[in-house]
C-alpha cells in the first residue's frame, strides 16, 4: 500500500542571510521615517524651544507609515510572495519600503 504524505520541502529562502537583509532594510526604513522627528524633538527639548517645529515632520511620518502599510499589506499576502518564508518576505519587501519612504520624504516633506 502506497501512502503519499503532504510534506513541505525544506524552505531554502529561510536562510540566515535573509534575516540579516530584512533587519538591514527595515532598520534603514525606520531611520528614514522616524529619524527627523526624533532629531527635531530632541533638539527642541535641548534648546527649550516649543515643539511646533516638530508638527510638520510628524505629519510626514504619518503619511509615510500609512502609505507604506497601504502598499505593502496587499503585497505581503500576494500569492507569489506568500509562499516564501517570513524572513525572505521581509527581505524582499524591505527595499520597496525604503523606496516608498524616501519618495514621500522627498515629495511631501518640503511642502508641509
C-alpha atoms as a PDB file:
ATOM      1  CA  UNK A   1       0.000   0.000   0.000  1.00  0.00           C
ATOM      2  CA  UNK A   2       1.481   3.287  -1.092  1.00  0.00           C
ATOM      3  CA  UNK A   3       0.729   6.272   1.088  1.00  0.00           C
ATOM      4  CA  UNK A   4       1.610   9.725  -0.111  1.00  0.00           C
ATOM      5  CA  UNK A   5       2.202  12.345   2.501  1.00  0.00           C
ATOM      6  CA  UNK A   6       1.954  16.044   2.146  1.00  0.00           C
ATOM      7  CA  UNK A   7       5.344  17.046   3.440  1.00  0.00           C
ATOM      8  CA  UNK A   8       6.553  20.562   2.937  1.00  0.00           C
ATOM      9  CA  UNK A   9      10.008  20.699   1.390  1.00  0.00           C
ATOM     10  CA  UNK A  10      12.735  22.479   3.270  1.00  0.00           C
ATOM     11  CA  UNK A  11      12.369  26.152   2.562  1.00  0.00           C
ATOM     12  CA  UNK A  12      15.619  27.393   1.091  1.00  0.00           C
ATOM     13  CA  UNK A  13      14.549  31.018   1.417  1.00  0.00           C
ATOM     14  CA  UNK A  14      14.738  30.823   5.208  1.00  0.00           C
ATOM     15  CA  UNK A  15      18.499  31.247   5.312  1.00  0.00           C
ATOM     16  CA  UNK A  16      20.122  33.456   7.950  1.00  0.00           C
ATOM     17  CA  UNK A  17      21.167  35.845   5.180  1.00  0.00           C
ATOM     18  CA  UNK A  18      17.530  36.743   4.577  1.00  0.00           C
ATOM     19  CA  UNK A  19      17.133  37.639   8.240  1.00  0.00           C
ATOM     20  CA  UNK A  20      20.121  39.989   8.160  1.00  0.00           C
ATOM     21  CA  UNK A  21      18.969  41.600   4.918  1.00  0.00           C
ATOM     22  CA  UNK A  22      15.479  42.118   6.332  1.00  0.00           C
ATOM     23  CA  UNK A  23      16.918  43.619   9.503  1.00  0.00           C
ATOM     24  CA  UNK A  24      19.141  45.961   7.486  1.00  0.00           C
ATOM     25  CA  UNK A  25      16.397  47.150   5.123  1.00  0.00           C
ATOM     26  CA  UNK A  26      13.767  47.671   7.811  1.00  0.00           C
ATOM     27  CA  UNK A  27      16.259  49.436  10.086  1.00  0.00           C
ATOM     28  CA  UNK A  28      17.035  51.862   7.268  1.00  0.00           C
ATOM     29  CA  UNK A  29      13.311  52.361   6.724  1.00  0.00           C
ATOM     30  CA  UNK A  30      12.750  53.119  10.420  1.00  0.00           C
ATOM     31  CA  UNK A  31      15.704  55.505  10.494  1.00  0.00           C
ATOM     32  CA  UNK A  32      14.444  57.438   7.481  1.00  0.00           C
ATOM     33  CA  UNK A  33      10.893  57.506   8.817  1.00  0.00           C
ATOM     34  CA  UNK A  34      11.385  58.345  12.479  1.00  0.00           C
ATOM     35  CA  UNK A  35      14.847  59.943  12.420  1.00  0.00           C
ATOM     36  CA  UNK A  36      13.834  63.519  11.554  1.00  0.00           C
ATOM     37  CA  UNK A  37      11.029  63.549  14.135  1.00  0.00           C
ATOM     38  CA  UNK A  38      13.261  62.255  16.913  1.00  0.00           C
ATOM     39  CA  UNK A  39      16.099  64.610  15.964  1.00  0.00           C
ATOM     40  CA  UNK A  40      13.885  67.704  15.894  1.00  0.00           C
ATOM     41  CA  UNK A  41      12.141  66.732  19.122  1.00  0.00           C
ATOM     42  CA  UNK A  42      15.481  66.160  20.853  1.00  0.00           C
ATOM     43  CA  UNK A  43      16.880  69.472  19.668  1.00  0.00           C
ATOM     44  CA  UNK A  44      13.702  71.326  20.671  1.00  0.00           C
ATOM     45  CA  UNK A  45      13.823  69.865  24.146  1.00  0.00           C
ATOM     46  CA  UNK A  46      17.560  70.516  24.474  1.00  0.00           C
ATOM     47  CA  UNK A  47      17.214  74.171  23.480  1.00  0.00           C
ATOM     48  CA  UNK A  48      13.920  74.609  25.389  1.00  0.00           C
ATOM     49  CA  UNK A  49      12.009  75.596  22.272  1.00  0.00           C
ATOM     50  CA  UNK A  50       8.318  74.855  21.646  1.00  0.00           C
ATOM     51  CA  UNK A  51       7.649  71.661  19.767  1.00  0.00           C
ATOM     52  CA  UNK A  52       5.806  73.457  16.960  1.00  0.00           C
ATOM     53  CA  UNK A  53       8.681  72.751  14.558  1.00  0.00           C
ATOM     54  CA  UNK A  54       8.123  69.016  15.027  1.00  0.00           C
ATOM     55  CA  UNK A  55       4.488  69.032  13.849  1.00  0.00           C
ATOM     56  CA  UNK A  56       5.248  69.103  10.076  1.00  0.00           C
ATOM     57  CA  UNK A  57       7.686  66.225  10.479  1.00  0.00           C
ATOM     58  CA  UNK A  58       5.078  64.237  12.382  1.00  0.00           C
ATOM     59  CA  UNK A  59       2.615  64.781   9.530  1.00  0.00           C
ATOM     60  CA  UNK A  60       5.149  63.491   7.020  1.00  0.00           C
ATOM     61  CA  UNK A  61       5.880  60.497   9.255  1.00  0.00           C
ATOM     62  CA  UNK A  62       2.180  59.631   9.498  1.00  0.00           C
ATOM     63  CA  UNK A  63       1.867  59.823   5.709  1.00  0.00           C
ATOM     64  CA  UNK A  64       4.955  57.611   5.311  1.00  0.00           C
ATOM     65  CA  UNK A  65       3.697  54.946   7.698  1.00  0.00           C
ATOM     66  CA  UNK A  66       0.190  54.974   6.228  1.00  0.00           C
ATOM     67  CA  UNK A  67       1.299  54.765   2.619  1.00  0.00           C
ATOM     68  CA  UNK A  68       3.850  52.062   3.361  1.00  0.00           C
ATOM     69  CA  UNK A  69       1.230  49.977   5.156  1.00  0.00           C
ATOM     70  CA  UNK A  70      -1.298  50.520   2.368  1.00  0.00           C
ATOM     71  CA  UNK A  71       1.132  49.404  -0.339  1.00  0.00           C
ATOM     72  CA  UNK A  72       2.934  46.576   1.444  1.00  0.00           C
ATOM     73  CA  UNK A  73      -0.044  44.854   3.088  1.00  0.00           C
ATOM     74  CA  UNK A  74      -1.503  43.529  -0.178  1.00  0.00           C
ATOM     75  CA  UNK A  75       1.972  42.647  -1.430  1.00  0.00           C
ATOM     76  CA  UNK A  76       2.753  40.712   1.757  1.00  0.00           C
ATOM     77  CA  UNK A  77      -0.295  38.495   1.245  1.00  0.00           C
ATOM     78  CA  UNK A  78       0.059  38.149  -2.538  1.00  0.00           C
ATOM     79  CA  UNK A  79       0.158  34.510  -3.655  1.00  0.00           C
ATOM     80  CA  UNK A  80       3.674  34.596  -5.100  1.00  0.00           C
ATOM     81  CA  UNK A  81       5.229  36.330  -2.117  1.00  0.00           C
ATOM     82  CA  UNK A  82       3.055  34.492   0.385  1.00  0.00           C
ATOM     83  CA  UNK A  83       4.767  31.202  -0.466  1.00  0.00           C
ATOM     84  CA  UNK A  84       8.137  32.467   0.690  1.00  0.00           C
ATOM     85  CA  UNK A  85       9.443  32.136   4.204  1.00  0.00           C
ATOM     86  CA  UNK A  86       8.707  35.037   6.525  1.00  0.00           C
ATOM     87  CA  UNK A  87      12.282  36.322   6.608  1.00  0.00           C
ATOM     88  CA  UNK A  88      12.522  36.150   2.823  1.00  0.00           C
ATOM     89  CA  UNK A  89       9.260  38.085   2.511  1.00  0.00           C
ATOM     90  CA  UNK A  90      10.535  40.838   4.782  1.00  0.00           C
ATOM     91  CA  UNK A  91      13.892  40.911   2.967  1.00  0.00           C
ATOM     92  CA  UNK A  92      12.099  41.219  -0.358  1.00  0.00           C
ATOM     93  CA  UNK A  93       9.694  43.951   0.764  1.00  0.00           C
ATOM     94  CA  UNK A  94      12.325  45.976   2.648  1.00  0.00           C
ATOM     95  CA  UNK A  95      13.722  47.816  -0.399  1.00  0.00           C
ATOM     96  CA  UNK A  96      10.169  48.598  -1.521  1.00  0.00           C
ATOM     97  CA  UNK A  97       9.503  50.146   1.885  1.00  0.00           C
ATOM     98  CA  UNK A  98      12.685  52.217   1.644  1.00  0.00           C
ATOM     99  CA  UNK A  99      11.652  53.475  -1.797  1.00  0.00           C
ATOM    100  CA  UNK A 100       8.180  54.455  -0.573  1.00  0.00           C
ATOM    101  CA  UNK A 101       9.511  56.236   2.500  1.00  0.00           C
ATOM    102  CA  UNK A 102      12.147  58.145   0.531  1.00  0.00           C
ATOM    103  CA  UNK A 103       9.654  59.150  -2.151  1.00  0.00           C
ATOM    104  CA  UNK A 104       7.228  60.510   0.438  1.00  0.00           C
ATOM    105  CA  UNK A 105      10.019  62.303   2.288  1.00  0.00           C
ATOM    106  CA  UNK A 106      11.306  63.965  -0.881  1.00  0.00           C
ATOM    107  CA  UNK A 107       7.905  64.785  -2.402  1.00  0.00           C
ATOM    108  CA  UNK A 108       5.805  65.722   0.634  1.00  0.00           C
ATOM    109  CA  UNK A 109       8.479  66.779   3.122  1.00  0.00           C
ATOM    110  CA  UNK A 110       9.401  70.225   1.738  1.00  0.00           C
ATOM    111  CA  UNK A 111       5.757  71.180   1.098  1.00  0.00           C
ATOM    112  CA  UNK A 112       4.407  70.592   4.614  1.00  0.00           C
END
